[in-house]
Amino acid sequence: MIDYDQTLLESTRTHRERLTAAFVHGEQRNRRTVNSNLRRLTGSIVLGAVLCAACLGTGFVLNILQTQREDKAVAAYRAAIAASPLEPGERLAEDQDSGLLIDTTTGTLIDPRTGFVIDPDTGWATDPQGRIIDPRTGWFVDPETGLRTDPATGVTIDPDTLDVVDSESDGNK
């Protein structure tokens, strides 16, 4: 039995292939035998290679930027540890044990950079938002883990090893 729809579809496909071959190759009939799928395959391979190179390049650049950000945070932590601008004033004297300022009238330890009162047991200050701060560096402290977070970049590091800690995996964000 003859399927007229199938015959029409095959006829239309053949007609399109002939028109495409005539348009691409002109009047030279011996070149019309080139399979159009070969060009599609070649184009797909080239497109796949370009996409792979773009993904690889993007990953490489993002890794470099992340590494630079982490290195900058570790360098800032080291610089903040090294710089300790303690200056005694009128009613403030330098505490010999802690190196901080002590209010001679109340006996409380005071952070010279921020003016926050220091807890004598831990040596940390609490800012008005309730965040715990290491007064030597100005970095936020997680009291449970002891990790430090740079307030400028948000990078969290371990102060003992100076390794950057992935805050998403620890849940400390």
Protein backbone atom coordinates (compact mmCIF):
# COMPACT_ATOMS: atom_id res chain seq x y z
CA MET A 1 0.00 0.00 0.00
CA ILE A 2 1.34 3.46 -0.86
CA ASP A 3 1.72 5.97 1.96
CA TYR A 4 1.19 9.34 0.30
CA ASP A 5 2.25 11.38 3.32
CA GLN A 6 5.57 9.55 3.61
CA THR A 7 6.19 9.95 -0.13
CA LEU A 8 5.47 13.68 0.09
CA LEU A 9 7.85 14.13 3.05
CA GLU A 10 10.68 12.27 1.31
CA SER A 11 10.12 14.21 -1.87
CA THR A 12 10.20 17.52 -0.01
CA ARG A 13 13.40 16.53 1.85
CA THR A 14 15.12 15.51 -1.39
CA HIS A 15 14.04 18.74 -3.06
CA ARG A 16 15.45 20.83 -0.17
CA GLU A 17 18.78 18.95 -0.26
CA ARG A 18 19.09 19.53 -4.00
CA LEU A 19 18.26 23.23 -3.64
CA THR A 20 20.76 23.61 -0.80
CA ALA A 21 23.47 21.80 -2.77
CA ALA A 22 22.76 23.92 -5.86
CA PHE A 23 22.91 27.10 -3.80
CA VAL A 24 26.14 26.14 -2.02
CA HIS A 25 28.03 24.54 -4.91
CA GLY A 26 26.58 26.20 -7.96
CA GLU A 27 26.44 24.34 -11.25
CA GLN A 28 29.13 21.75 -10.55
CA ARG A 29 27.08 18.58 -10.12
CA ASN A 30 29.97 16.40 -8.96
CA ARG A 31 30.28 18.44 -5.74
CA ARG A 32 26.63 18.03 -4.83
CA THR A 33 27.25 14.62 -3.33
CA VAL A 34 28.79 16.11 -0.16
CA ASN A 35 26.71 15.08 2.78
CA SER A 36 25.32 18.07 4.67
CA ASN A 37 25.59 16.15 7.96
CA LEU A 38 29.39 16.26 7.71
CA ARG A 39 29.29 20.06 7.92
CA ARG A 40 26.91 19.91 10.86
CA LEU A 41 29.22 17.47 12.63
CA THR A 42 32.25 19.68 11.99
CA GLY A 43 30.37 22.77 13.13
CA SER A 44 29.18 20.99 16.27
CA ILE A 45 32.71 19.87 17.13
CA VAL A 46 34.06 23.40 16.68
CA LEU A 47 31.21 24.87 18.72
CA GLY A 48 31.76 22.27 21.47
CA ALA A 49 35.48 23.06 21.57
CA VAL A 50 34.79 26.79 21.85
CA LEU A 51 32.29 26.23 24.66
CA CYS A 52 34.73 23.96 26.52
CA ALA A 53 37.49 26.55 26.18
CA ALA A 54 35.15 29.28 27.44
CA CYS A 55 34.14 27.22 30.49
CA LEU A 56 37.74 26.33 31.25
CA GLY A 57 38.85 29.95 30.90
CA THR A 58 36.02 31.20 33.10
CA GLY A 59 36.84 28.66 35.80
CA PHE A 60 40.53 29.57 35.64
CA VAL A 61 39.86 33.31 35.96
CA LEU A 62 37.39 32.83 38.82
CA ASN A 63 39.88 30.62 40.65
CA ILE A 64 42.61 33.25 40.29
CA LEU A 65 40.27 35.98 41.57
CA GLN A 66 39.23 33.85 44.57
CA THR A 67 42.85 33.05 45.38
CA GLN A 68 43.81 36.73 45.20
CA ARG A 69 40.89 37.64 47.48
CA GLU A 70 41.92 35.01 50.03
CA ASP A 71 45.59 36.02 49.89
CA LYS A 72 44.61 39.65 50.40
CA ALA A 73 42.54 38.69 53.46
CA VAL A 74 45.40 36.69 55.01
CA ALA A 75 47.81 39.57 54.36
CA ALA A 76 45.35 42.02 55.94
CA TYR A 77 45.06 39.75 58.98
CA ARG A 78 48.84 39.61 59.36
CA ALA A 79 49.09 43.40 58.98
CA ALA A 80 46.34 43.95 61.54
CA ILE A 81 48.12 41.67 64.01
CA ALA A 82 51.40 43.52 63.47
CA ALA A 83 49.89 47.01 63.91
CA SER A 84 48.83 47.78 67.45
CA PRO A 85 48.40 51.55 67.88
CA LEU A 86 48.03 51.72 71.66
CA GLU A 87 48.29 55.25 73.05
CA PRO A 88 47.55 56.08 76.70
CA GLY A 89 45.55 59.28 77.32
CA GLU A 90 44.46 61.44 80.27
CA ARG A 91 42.55 58.92 82.36
CA LEU A 92 43.67 55.95 80.31
CA ALA A 93 46.80 54.04 81.12
CA GLU A 94 48.40 51.17 79.31
CA ASP A 95 47.70 47.84 80.95
CA GLN A 96 51.04 46.05 81.22
CA ASP A 97 49.50 42.55 81.17
CA SER A 98 47.25 42.88 78.13
CA GLY A 99 48.79 45.78 76.23
CA LEU A 100 45.34 47.44 76.04
CA LEU A 101 44.19 50.66 77.65
CA ILE A 102 42.70 50.57 81.13
CA ASP A 103 40.29 53.16 82.44
CA THR A 104 41.85 54.22 85.75
CA THR A 105 38.48 55.30 87.23
CA THR A 106 36.45 52.15 86.46
CA GLY A 107 39.19 49.57 85.90
CA THR A 108 37.73 48.36 82.58
CA LEU A 109 39.83 47.45 79.60
CA ILE A 110 39.15 49.56 76.49
CA ASP A 111 39.95 48.94 72.85
CA PRO A 112 41.93 52.01 71.69
CA ARG A 113 40.71 51.78 68.07
CA THR A 114 36.97 51.51 68.67
CA GLY A 115 36.38 52.52 72.28
CA PHE A 116 34.55 49.25 72.99
CA VAL A 117 34.89 47.69 76.42
CA ILE A 118 37.02 44.53 76.39
CA ASP A 119 36.00 41.35 78.18
CA PRO A 120 38.97 40.59 80.48
CA ASP A 121 38.45 36.81 80.26
CA THR A 122 38.47 36.45 76.47
CA GLY A 123 40.16 39.70 75.40
CA TRP A 124 37.39 40.35 72.85
CA ALA A 125 35.06 43.31 72.46
CA THR A 126 31.38 43.38 71.50
CA ASP A 127 30.19 46.04 69.06
CA PRO A 128 26.75 47.72 69.24
CA GLN A 129 25.32 45.14 66.76
CA GLY A 130 26.31 42.32 69.12
CA ARG A 131 29.17 40.98 67.01
CA ILE A 132 32.31 39.86 68.80
CA ILE A 133 35.47 41.59 67.60
CA ASP A 134 39.15 40.85 68.13
CA PRO A 135 40.46 44.29 69.16
CA ARG A 136 43.96 43.61 67.87
CA THR A 137 42.76 43.08 64.29
CA GLY A 138 39.26 44.52 64.08
CA TRP A 139 38.06 41.19 62.64
CA PHE A 140 34.88 39.41 63.72
CA VAL A 141 35.32 36.33 65.92
CA ASP A 142 33.18 33.21 66.04
CA PRO A 143 33.40 32.34 69.76
CA GLU A 144 32.41 28.69 69.19
CA THR A 145 35.10 27.89 66.61
CA GLY A 146 37.61 30.70 67.12
CA LEU A 147 37.59 31.50 63.38
CA ARG A 148 38.15 35.11 62.28
CA THR A 149 36.19 36.89 59.53
CA ASP A 150 37.46 39.94 57.67
CA PRO A 151 34.76 42.65 57.85
CA ALA A 152 35.88 44.14 54.52
CA THR A 153 35.87 41.00 52.34
CA GLY A 154 33.92 38.44 54.37
CA VAL A 155 36.71 35.87 54.10
CA THR A 156 36.96 33.55 57.10
CA ILE A 157 40.34 32.17 58.17
CA ASP A 158 41.68 29.93 60.89
CA PRO A 159 44.08 32.11 62.97
CA ASP A 160 46.20 29.15 64.02
CA THR A 161 46.98 27.80 60.54
CA LEU A 162 46.17 30.95 58.49
CA ASP A 163 44.15 28.75 56.13
CA VAL A 164 41.04 30.11 54.46
CA VAL A 165 37.91 28.33 55.69
CA ASP A 166 35.03 27.70 53.32
CA SER A 167 32.20 29.43 55.17
CA GLU A 168 29.42 27.73 53.13
CA SER A 169 30.46 24.24 54.27
CA ASP A 170 30.76 25.29 57.93
CA GLY A 171 27.52 27.24 58.04
CA ASN A 172 29.32 30.35 59.38
CA LYS A 173 28.12 33.05 57.11
